[in-house]
């Protein structure tokens, strides 16, 4: 019976004969075909005449040994001929940033020289598995766990172009161990994306440790992150492991990293560079193996220029930068998000609310959302609780009625339309947005009040 060779057909392109021979020797036991080529100019001919499951492509050749420009050129040549090609870039350790750029240009993954044989094979398996829409692990996962991991991104609501571009990058970088910096305004869901990256990574079966750096005081920083020995300080009544140790072999998520003072940044940098920590009260270094994801809403580049954030630390944590779009730049996702939260809170509070009125949706899409998705979530929750109608109306959202302050009106303006609008706004402020009470005070039916709200664009 023929042995199963799960890696299919592999093409390896590198101008180093030793690398070609060692890779062929390693992979021929696992692949149906291993073809090697030391001249990248043969790539168009090879790709046109054979369909490869995976192409291992060196970043640099004899003409240019450091910049990776040749690797980018040949990557584009491959993808132009076969947009579905799985290309894994081969690069030296000091060229990780170049390799990450290649991921953004269409590469599936990258491997570092010198590679570990098992990790290289696992990388190829992961690349093939992701193409088939599943995840490979060393053991057979249970259906529930496999489903959870496969759906980690699909559970994030968003079909707009900015979100789809973001999902594409995440799928490429999640399977690597590259450090990731998540940038975004408050309320954009930085922790949600960090957990999704963890769920799609090779460490998905290990722990995800979340640390809010903004809440850790200067005096407790080392104890919280690196741990301490009993008696190291007054309140150290027992040995305790820090967050780095707790995240060993898993993912460490450092949220609000921009809030760290310069002395604490220095201590963090030392731990990240050495990949080891020392508990307070001891001299023994402890090695840690972590996947690092950091997040902030602060302008780190600007902070570096002002000497408020260490440049070497920023380079250490942002091998890959993910920019989360604010809700005002992805308003096309508001109907999906609103529907999602309405279902949640209608069930939670046992309210007969089924959706948004069309006029309300239009107003929500025009609103600037300074609090982003989190603000939308809280607004929907409050509206569901307060609404007396099956469909949420503009009057159920406080901020939609407050966008024009009464102080904007000229008291000398006796135009009846203007006065009517001002009176309705005054009633809203007095009755805190309760439509029933507003309608009663104004001598209107709820339907009449809604028509006037719509007429005045309130």
Protein backbone atom coordinates (compact mmCIF):
# COMPACT_ATOMS: atom_id res chain seq x y z
CA UNK A 1 0.00 0.00 0.00
CA UNK A 2 1.42 3.40 -0.99
CA UNK A 3 2.37 5.75 1.83
CA UNK A 4 0.23 8.84 2.21
CA UNK A 5 2.15 12.01 1.35
CA UNK A 6 0.01 14.89 2.68
CA UNK A 7 2.19 17.77 1.50
CA UNK A 8 1.45 17.23 -2.18
CA UNK A 9 3.72 18.88 -4.78
CA UNK A 10 6.36 21.29 -3.54
CA UNK A 11 8.62 23.66 -5.47
CA UNK A 12 11.70 25.07 -3.69
CA UNK A 13 13.51 28.08 -5.19
CA UNK A 14 16.81 29.13 -3.60
CA UNK A 15 20.24 29.92 -5.04
CA UNK A 16 21.98 28.04 -2.20
CA UNK A 17 22.56 24.43 -3.29
CA UNK A 18 23.03 23.22 0.30
CA UNK A 19 19.62 24.59 1.29
CA UNK A 20 17.97 23.03 -1.75
CA UNK A 21 19.45 19.60 -1.06
CA UNK A 22 18.66 19.65 2.66
CA UNK A 23 15.07 20.71 2.05
CA UNK A 24 14.56 18.06 -0.61
CA UNK A 25 15.98 15.40 1.72
CA UNK A 26 13.66 16.54 4.52
CA UNK A 27 10.47 16.93 2.49
CA UNK A 28 10.63 14.03 0.04
CA UNK A 29 9.34 11.67 2.77
CA UNK A 30 6.23 13.83 3.20
CA UNK A 31 5.51 15.18 -0.27
CA UNK A 32 4.29 13.62 -3.48
CA UNK A 33 6.85 15.65 -5.46
CA UNK A 34 9.75 17.90 -4.40
CA UNK A 35 11.22 19.97 -7.21
CA UNK A 36 14.22 22.24 -6.57
CA UNK A 37 15.44 25.19 -8.62
CA UNK A 38 18.45 27.47 -8.02
CA UNK A 39 17.61 30.00 -10.75
CA UNK A 40 14.50 32.13 -10.02
CA UNK A 41 14.28 33.07 -13.70
CA UNK A 42 12.86 29.60 -14.28
CA UNK A 43 9.85 30.33 -12.07
CA UNK A 44 7.46 31.49 -14.85
CA UNK A 45 8.13 28.33 -16.88
CA UNK A 46 7.74 26.04 -13.87
CA UNK A 47 4.51 27.64 -12.61
CA UNK A 48 2.97 27.65 -16.09
CA UNK A 49 3.66 23.93 -16.57
CA UNK A 50 2.92 22.51 -13.11
CA UNK A 51 0.41 23.13 -10.33
CA UNK A 52 2.28 23.15 -7.01
CA UNK A 53 0.55 22.82 -3.65
CA UNK A 54 3.27 24.87 -1.96
CA UNK A 55 6.18 27.00 -3.22
CA UNK A 56 9.10 27.71 -0.88
CA UNK A 57 10.67 30.93 -2.15
CA UNK A 58 13.88 32.54 -0.93
CA UNK A 59 13.69 36.29 -0.27
CA UNK A 60 17.19 37.16 -1.53
CA UNK A 61 19.42 36.03 -4.40
CA UNK A 62 22.92 36.77 -5.62
CA UNK A 63 22.02 40.11 -7.20
CA UNK A 64 20.66 41.50 -3.93
CA UNK A 65 21.43 39.67 -0.71
CA UNK A 66 19.65 41.79 1.90
CA UNK A 67 16.71 43.92 0.75
CA UNK A 68 14.32 41.15 -0.33
CA UNK A 69 13.42 43.04 -3.53
CA UNK A 70 14.04 39.99 -5.70
CA UNK A 71 11.83 37.91 -3.46
CA UNK A 72 8.99 40.45 -3.78
CA UNK A 73 9.44 40.50 -7.55
CA UNK A 74 9.23 36.72 -7.90
CA UNK A 75 6.33 36.53 -5.44
CA UNK A 76 4.38 38.90 -7.70
CA UNK A 77 5.34 36.88 -10.76
CA UNK A 78 3.99 33.71 -9.15
CA UNK A 79 0.73 35.30 -7.97
CA UNK A 80 0.12 36.92 -11.35
CA UNK A 81 0.22 33.46 -12.94
CA UNK A 82 -1.58 31.66 -10.11
CA UNK A 83 -3.45 33.92 -7.64
CA UNK A 84 -4.30 30.87 -5.50
CA UNK A 85 -0.66 29.78 -5.06
CA UNK A 86 0.58 29.04 -1.54
CA UNK A 87 3.96 30.77 -1.29
CA UNK A 88 6.06 30.42 1.86
CA UNK A 89 8.97 32.84 2.01
CA UNK A 90 12.41 31.70 3.25
CA UNK A 91 14.28 34.41 5.11
CA UNK A 92 17.07 35.00 7.60
CA UNK A 93 16.26 35.82 11.23
CA UNK A 94 17.09 39.52 10.90
CA UNK A 95 14.69 39.94 7.95
CA UNK A 96 11.42 39.22 9.73
CA UNK A 97 10.03 42.68 8.95
CA UNK A 98 10.66 42.09 5.25
CA UNK A 99 8.90 38.73 5.44
CA UNK A 100 5.88 40.30 7.12
CA UNK A 101 5.66 42.78 4.25
CA UNK A 102 5.58 39.77 1.95
CA UNK A 103 2.56 38.43 3.87
CA UNK A 104 0.73 41.65 3.13
CA UNK A 105 1.59 41.26 -0.56
CA UNK A 106 0.12 37.78 -0.79
CA UNK A 107 2.56 35.27 0.71
CA UNK A 108 0.95 32.57 2.83
CA UNK A 109 3.63 32.39 5.54
CA UNK A 110 7.38 32.56 6.11
CA UNK A 111 10.09 30.39 7.68
CA UNK A 112 13.33 31.57 9.24
CA UNK A 113 16.83 30.29 8.54
CA UNK A 114 18.03 28.17 10.19
CA UNK A 115 14.69 26.38 10.46
CA UNK A 116 13.56 23.61 12.76
CA UNK A 117 12.48 20.61 10.68
CA UNK A 118 9.30 19.90 12.64
CA UNK A 119 8.23 23.54 12.58
CA UNK A 120 8.86 23.79 8.85
CA UNK A 121 6.70 20.76 8.13
CA UNK A 122 4.01 22.07 10.48
CA UNK A 123 4.07 25.44 8.68
CA UNK A 124 3.47 23.74 5.34
CA UNK A 125 0.65 21.65 6.83
CA UNK A 126 -0.95 24.77 8.33
CA UNK A 127 -0.73 26.58 5.01
CA UNK A 128 -2.46 23.75 3.19
CA UNK A 129 -5.05 23.35 5.94
CA UNK A 130 -5.96 27.04 5.96
CA UNK A 131 -6.51 26.88 2.22
CA UNK A 132 -8.97 24.03 2.82
CA UNK A 133 -10.65 25.97 5.61
CA UNK A 134 -9.55 23.81 8.54
CA UNK A 135 -6.88 23.83 11.23
CA UNK A 136 -4.23 21.17 11.74
CA UNK A 137 -3.13 20.16 15.23
CA UNK A 138 -0.87 17.42 16.51
CA UNK A 139 -3.89 15.55 17.84
CA UNK A 140 -7.42 15.22 16.49
CA UNK A 141 -9.46 18.07 17.99
CA UNK A 142 -12.96 17.59 19.29
CA UNK A 143 -15.73 18.94 16.99
CA UNK A 144 -16.62 21.69 19.43
CA UNK A 145 -13.04 22.96 19.76
CA UNK A 146 -12.42 22.74 16.02
CA UNK A 147 -15.62 24.65 15.37
CA UNK A 148 -14.67 27.31 17.90
CA UNK A 149 -11.28 27.92 16.27
CA UNK A 150 -12.64 27.89 12.73
CA UNK A 151 -15.28 30.48 13.67
CA UNK A 152 -13.03 32.82 15.67
CA UNK A 153 -13.00 35.46 12.95
CA UNK A 154 -16.46 34.76 11.57
CA UNK A 155 -17.87 35.66 14.98
CA UNK A 156 -16.50 39.18 14.54
CA UNK A 157 -19.26 41.07 12.77
CA UNK A 158 -18.24 43.00 9.68
CA UNK A 159 -18.63 42.64 5.93
CA UNK A 160 -17.28 46.06 4.92
CA UNK A 161 -14.13 46.36 2.83
CA UNK A 162 -11.94 47.63 5.73
CA UNK A 163 -12.96 44.63 7.83
CA UNK A 164 -12.44 42.10 5.05
CA UNK A 165 -8.95 43.48 4.44
CA UNK A 166 -8.24 43.18 8.16
CA UNK A 167 -9.50 39.58 8.26
CA UNK A 168 -7.24 38.70 5.34
CA UNK A 169 -4.12 39.99 7.11
CA UNK A 170 -5.05 38.28 10.37
CA UNK A 171 -5.46 34.90 8.69
CA UNK A 172 -1.96 35.23 7.27
CA UNK A 173 -0.14 36.37 10.39
CA UNK A 174 -2.05 34.44 13.05
CA UNK A 175 -0.35 31.14 12.24
CA UNK A 176 3.10 32.71 12.70
CA UNK A 177 4.70 33.66 16.01
CA UNK A 178 5.33 37.23 14.87
CA UNK A 179 4.75 39.94 17.50
CA UNK A 180 1.61 41.93 16.73
CA UNK A 181 0.68 45.49 17.67
CA UNK A 182 -3.06 46.22 17.50
CA UNK A 183 -3.82 49.92 17.02
CA UNK A 184 -7.27 51.41 17.31
CA UNK A 185 -9.50 53.88 19.10
CA UNK A 186 -11.31 52.97 22.31
CA UNK A 187 -14.25 50.72 21.62
CA UNK A 188 -12.97 49.18 18.37
CA UNK A 189 -12.51 45.75 19.93
CA UNK A 190 -8.75 45.35 20.33
CA UNK A 191 -9.03 42.48 22.83
CA UNK A 192 -11.60 40.72 20.64
CA UNK A 193 -9.16 40.71 17.74
CA UNK A 194 -6.28 39.62 19.97
CA UNK A 195 -8.29 36.59 21.11
CA UNK A 196 -9.20 35.79 17.50
CA UNK A 197 -5.52 35.81 16.55
CA UNK A 198 -4.79 33.45 19.45
CA UNK A 199 -7.62 31.10 18.40
CA UNK A 200 -6.18 30.91 14.88
CA UNK A 201 -2.59 30.38 16.03
CA UNK A 202 -0.61 27.23 16.74
CA UNK A 203 -0.96 28.10 20.42
CA UNK A 204 -4.75 28.00 20.36
CA UNK A 205 -4.90 25.08 22.80
CA UNK A 206 -2.73 26.98 25.30
CA UNK A 207 -3.59 29.86 27.62
CA UNK A 208 -4.46 33.44 26.60
CA UNK A 209 -3.32 35.88 29.31
CA UNK A 210 -4.72 39.42 29.21
CA UNK A 211 -2.89 42.21 31.09
CA UNK A 212 -4.25 45.76 31.35
CA UNK A 213 -0.99 47.71 31.51
CA UNK A 214 -2.82 50.92 32.32
CA UNK A 215 -4.07 49.52 35.62
CA UNK A 216 -0.70 48.29 36.93
CA UNK A 217 1.06 50.68 39.28
CA UNK A 218 4.80 51.35 39.16
CA UNK A 219 5.36 49.51 42.45
CA UNK A 220 3.47 46.37 41.42
CA UNK A 221 4.71 46.16 37.82
CA UNK A 222 7.52 43.63 38.33
CA UNK A 223 5.50 41.52 40.75
CA UNK A 224 2.51 41.36 38.39
CA UNK A 225 4.48 40.61 35.24
CA UNK A 226 7.49 38.67 36.54
CA UNK A 227 6.24 37.23 39.83
CA UNK A 228 7.86 37.22 43.26
CA UNK A 229 9.28 34.99 45.97
CA UNK A 230 7.75 34.82 49.43
CA UNK A 231 9.17 37.62 51.56
CA UNK A 232 10.40 39.69 48.62
CA UNK A 233 8.39 42.63 50.01
CA UNK A 234 5.98 43.29 52.87
CA UNK A 235 2.83 41.77 51.34
CA UNK A 236 4.60 38.88 49.56
CA UNK A 237 3.21 36.12 51.79
CA UNK A 238 3.75 33.32 49.27
CA UNK A 239 5.56 32.55 46.03
CA UNK A 240 3.68 33.82 43.00
CA UNK A 241 4.21 33.45 39.28
CA UNK A 242 3.84 36.52 37.09
CA UNK A 243 1.85 36.98 33.89
CA UNK A 244 4.81 36.03 31.70
CA UNK A 245 5.12 32.63 33.37
CA UNK A 246 1.36 32.14 33.33
CA UNK A 247 1.39 32.71 29.54
CA UNK A 248 4.24 30.23 28.91
CA UNK A 249 3.64 28.41 25.59
CA UNK A 250 0.52 30.53 25.06
CA UNK A 251 -0.30 34.13 24.15
CA UNK A 252 0.43 37.20 26.28
CA UNK A 253 -1.78 40.17 25.47
CA UNK A 254 -0.51 43.50 26.84
CA UNK A 255 -3.36 45.98 26.51
CA UNK A 256 -2.88 49.77 26.76
CA UNK A 257 0.89 49.41 26.42
CA UNK A 258 1.18 53.09 25.52
CA UNK A 259 0.44 54.00 29.14
CA UNK A 260 3.72 52.57 30.46
CA UNK A 261 6.29 54.98 31.90
CA UNK A 262 9.79 54.97 30.44
CA UNK A 263 11.35 53.06 33.39
CA UNK A 264 8.70 50.31 33.06
CA UNK A 265 9.20 50.23 29.29
CA UNK A 266 12.88 49.49 29.91
CA UNK A 267 12.08 46.56 32.22
CA UNK A 268 9.58 45.14 29.74
CA UNK A 269 12.04 45.46 26.86
CA UNK A 270 14.70 43.52 28.79
CA UNK A 271 12.29 40.64 29.39
CA UNK A 272 11.19 40.56 25.75
CA UNK A 273 14.74 40.66 24.40
CA UNK A 274 16.00 37.88 26.65
CA UNK A 275 12.76 35.88 26.62
CA UNK A 276 13.29 35.31 30.30
CA UNK A 277 12.17 36.88 33.56
CA UNK A 278 13.50 37.02 37.12
CA UNK A 279 11.05 36.86 39.99
CA UNK A 280 11.39 39.55 42.62
CA UNK A 281 13.47 38.27 45.52
CA UNK A 282 15.46 35.82 43.39
CA UNK A 283 18.43 35.86 41.03
CA UNK A 284 17.38 32.86 38.94
CA UNK A 285 16.30 33.63 35.36
CA UNK A 286 13.25 31.72 34.08
CA UNK A 287 12.85 31.17 30.33
CA UNK A 288 9.44 31.93 28.87
CA UNK A 289 7.99 31.00 25.48
CA UNK A 290 5.17 33.40 24.56
CA UNK A 291 3.34 34.81 21.56
CA UNK A 292 3.20 38.56 22.18
CA UNK A 293 0.26 40.75 21.17
CA UNK A 294 0.14 44.39 22.32
CA UNK A 295 -2.53 47.03 21.89
CA UNK A 296 -2.96 50.76 22.38
CA UNK A 297 -5.11 53.69 21.32
CA UNK A 298 -2.16 56.07 21.66
CA UNK A 299 0.02 57.45 18.80
CA UNK A 300 3.22 55.51 19.49
CA UNK A 301 5.15 56.98 16.55
CA UNK A 302 4.44 60.49 17.78
CA UNK A 303 5.33 59.43 21.33
CA UNK A 304 8.67 58.06 20.11
CA UNK A 305 9.49 61.41 18.46
CA UNK A 306 8.73 63.12 21.79
CA UNK A 307 10.86 60.60 23.72
CA UNK A 308 7.77 59.38 25.55
CA UNK A 309 8.03 55.82 24.21
CA UNK A 310 11.19 53.82 23.55
CA UNK A 311 11.88 53.32 19.87
CA UNK A 312 13.59 49.97 20.46
CA UNK A 313 10.54 48.70 22.37
CA UNK A 314 8.21 49.81 19.58
CA UNK A 315 10.32 47.90 17.04
CA UNK A 316 10.24 44.86 19.32
CA UNK A 317 6.45 44.74 19.68
CA UNK A 318 5.28 45.70 16.17
CA UNK A 319 6.61 43.13 13.74
CA UNK A 320 3.07 43.35 12.35
CA UNK A 321 0.75 46.32 12.89
CA UNK A 322 -3.01 45.87 12.71
CA UNK A 323 -5.04 49.05 12.38
CA UNK A 324 -8.64 48.56 13.52
CA UNK A 325 -10.99 50.88 11.62
CA UNK A 326 -13.26 53.16 13.67
CA UNK A 327 -16.99 52.57 13.25
CA UNK A 328 -17.40 55.84 11.32
CA UNK A 329 -15.17 54.32 8.59
CA UNK A 330 -17.22 51.12 8.38
CA UNK A 331 -20.80 52.40 8.63
CA UNK A 332 -21.89 49.64 6.25
CA UNK A 333 -21.51 47.26 9.20
CA UNK A 334 -23.95 49.16 11.43
CA UNK A 335 -27.08 47.25 10.26
CA UNK A 336 -25.38 43.92 11.02
CA UNK A 337 -24.08 45.09 14.39
CA UNK A 338 -27.42 46.62 15.38
CA UNK A 339 -29.31 43.47 14.45
CA UNK A 340 -26.86 41.39 16.47
CA UNK A 341 -27.18 43.49 19.63
CA UNK A 342 -30.95 43.85 19.32
CA UNK A 343 -31.32 40.06 19.36
CA UNK A 344 -29.06 39.78 22.40
CA UNK A 345 -30.75 42.45 24.50
CA UNK A 346 -34.31 41.73 23.41
CA UNK A 347 -33.79 38.20 24.71
CA UNK A 348 -31.92 39.33 27.84
CA UNK A 349 -34.56 41.86 28.91
CA UNK A 350 -37.54 39.96 27.42
CA UNK A 351 -38.55 42.87 25.20
CA UNK A 352 -40.56 42.63 22.01
CA UNK A 353 -38.03 44.50 19.86
CA UNK A 354 -37.32 43.08 16.43
CA UNK A 355 -35.30 45.72 14.59
CA UNK A 356 -34.67 49.34 13.63
CA UNK A 357 -36.98 51.72 11.80
CA UNK A 358 -35.46 52.61 8.44
CA UNK A 359 -35.26 56.32 9.34
CA UNK A 360 -33.48 55.42 12.58
CA UNK A 361 -30.92 53.33 10.75
CA UNK A 362 -30.14 56.23 8.42
CA UNK A 363 -29.51 58.47 11.41
CA UNK A 364 -27.30 55.89 13.09
CA UNK A 365 -25.23 55.60 9.91
CA UNK A 366 -24.71 59.39 9.86
CA UNK A 367 -23.67 59.59 13.52
CA UNK A 368 -19.89 59.92 14.14
CA UNK A 369 -19.63 57.24 16.91
CA UNK A 370 -16.80 58.56 19.09
CA UNK A 371 -17.11 55.43 21.25
CA UNK A 372 -17.14 53.09 18.24
CA UNK A 373 -18.69 49.60 18.47
CA UNK A 374 -18.80 49.71 22.27
CA UNK A 375 -20.91 52.90 22.13
CA UNK A 376 -23.26 51.32 19.60
CA UNK A 377 -23.65 48.25 21.81
CA UNK A 378 -24.54 50.32 24.89
CA UNK A 379 -26.87 52.54 22.87
CA UNK A 380 -28.76 49.53 21.52
CA UNK A 381 -29.01 48.03 25.01
CA UNK A 382 -30.52 51.22 26.45
CA UNK A 383 -32.86 51.67 23.47
CA UNK A 384 -34.17 48.11 23.77
CA UNK A 385 -34.92 48.67 27.47
CA UNK A 386 -36.66 52.04 26.92
CA UNK A 387 -38.56 51.36 23.70
CA UNK A 388 -42.31 50.71 23.63
CA UNK A 389 -42.31 49.80 19.93
CA UNK A 390 -41.28 46.65 18.04
CA UNK A 391 -38.90 48.78 15.98
CA UNK A 392 -36.43 51.18 17.58
CA UNK A 393 -37.11 54.82 16.73
CA UNK A 394 -34.77 57.82 16.66
CA UNK A 395 -36.32 58.99 19.91
CA UNK A 396 -35.02 55.87 21.64
CA UNK A 397 -31.44 57.11 21.14
CA UNK A 398 -30.45 59.99 23.39
CA UNK A 399 -27.55 61.24 21.28
CA UNK A 400 -29.63 61.51 18.10
CA UNK A 401 -31.96 63.99 19.78
CA UNK A 402 -29.20 65.93 21.50
CA UNK A 403 -27.08 66.61 18.43
CA UNK A 404 -28.61 70.10 18.10
CA UNK A 405 -28.43 71.95 21.42
CA UNK A 406 -31.26 74.35 22.29
CA UNK A 407 -28.66 77.08 22.81
CA UNK A 408 -28.17 77.12 19.06
CA UNK A 409 -31.58 78.76 18.58
CA UNK A 410 -32.04 82.51 18.37
CA UNK A 411 -34.70 83.54 20.88
CA UNK A 412 -35.73 86.29 18.46
CA UNK A 413 -36.64 83.71 15.82
CA UNK A 414 -40.44 83.36 15.93
CA UNK A 415 -40.72 80.97 13.03
CA UNK A 416 -43.30 78.38 14.08
CA UNK A 417 -41.34 75.48 12.61
CA UNK A 418 -38.24 76.53 14.56
CA UNK A 419 -40.22 76.98 17.78
CA UNK A 420 -41.86 73.55 17.38
CA UNK A 421 -38.46 71.94 16.98
CA UNK A 422 -37.08 73.77 20.02
CA UNK A 423 -40.07 72.77 22.18
CA UNK A 424 -39.69 69.12 21.21
CA UNK A 425 -36.01 69.25 22.11
CA UNK A 426 -36.86 70.88 25.46
CA UNK A 427 -39.40 68.14 26.14
CA UNK A 428 -36.81 65.52 25.35
CA UNK A 429 -34.36 67.00 27.85
CA UNK A 430 -37.04 67.23 30.56
CA UNK A 431 -38.31 63.66 30.14
CA UNK A 432 -34.91 62.04 29.42
CA UNK A 433 -35.99 60.74 26.04
CA UNK A 434 -39.15 58.92 27.22
CA UNK A 435 -41.33 59.11 24.10
CA UNK A 436 -44.57 58.34 25.91
CA UNK A 437 -44.08 61.13 28.47
CA UNK A 438 -42.95 63.56 25.77
CA UNK A 439 -46.03 62.84 23.66
CA UNK A 440 -48.35 63.31 26.67
CA UNK A 441 -46.72 66.62 27.68
CA UNK A 442 -46.89 67.95 24.13
CA UNK A 443 -50.49 66.84 23.63
CA UNK A 444 -49.54 64.50 20.78
CA UNK A 445 -49.94 60.86 20.03
CA UNK A 446 -46.75 58.81 19.83
CA UNK A 447 -47.27 58.49 16.07
CA UNK A 448 -47.63 62.25 15.70
CA UNK A 449 -44.52 62.85 17.78
CA UNK A 450 -42.50 60.42 15.66
CA UNK A 451 -43.68 62.22 12.49
CA UNK A 452 -42.48 65.55 13.91
CA UNK A 453 -39.16 64.03 14.98
CA UNK A 454 -38.70 62.81 11.42
CA UNK A 455 -39.79 66.16 9.93
CA UNK A 456 -37.31 68.16 11.98
CA UNK A 457 -34.49 65.67 11.50
CA UNK A 458 -34.24 65.12 15.25
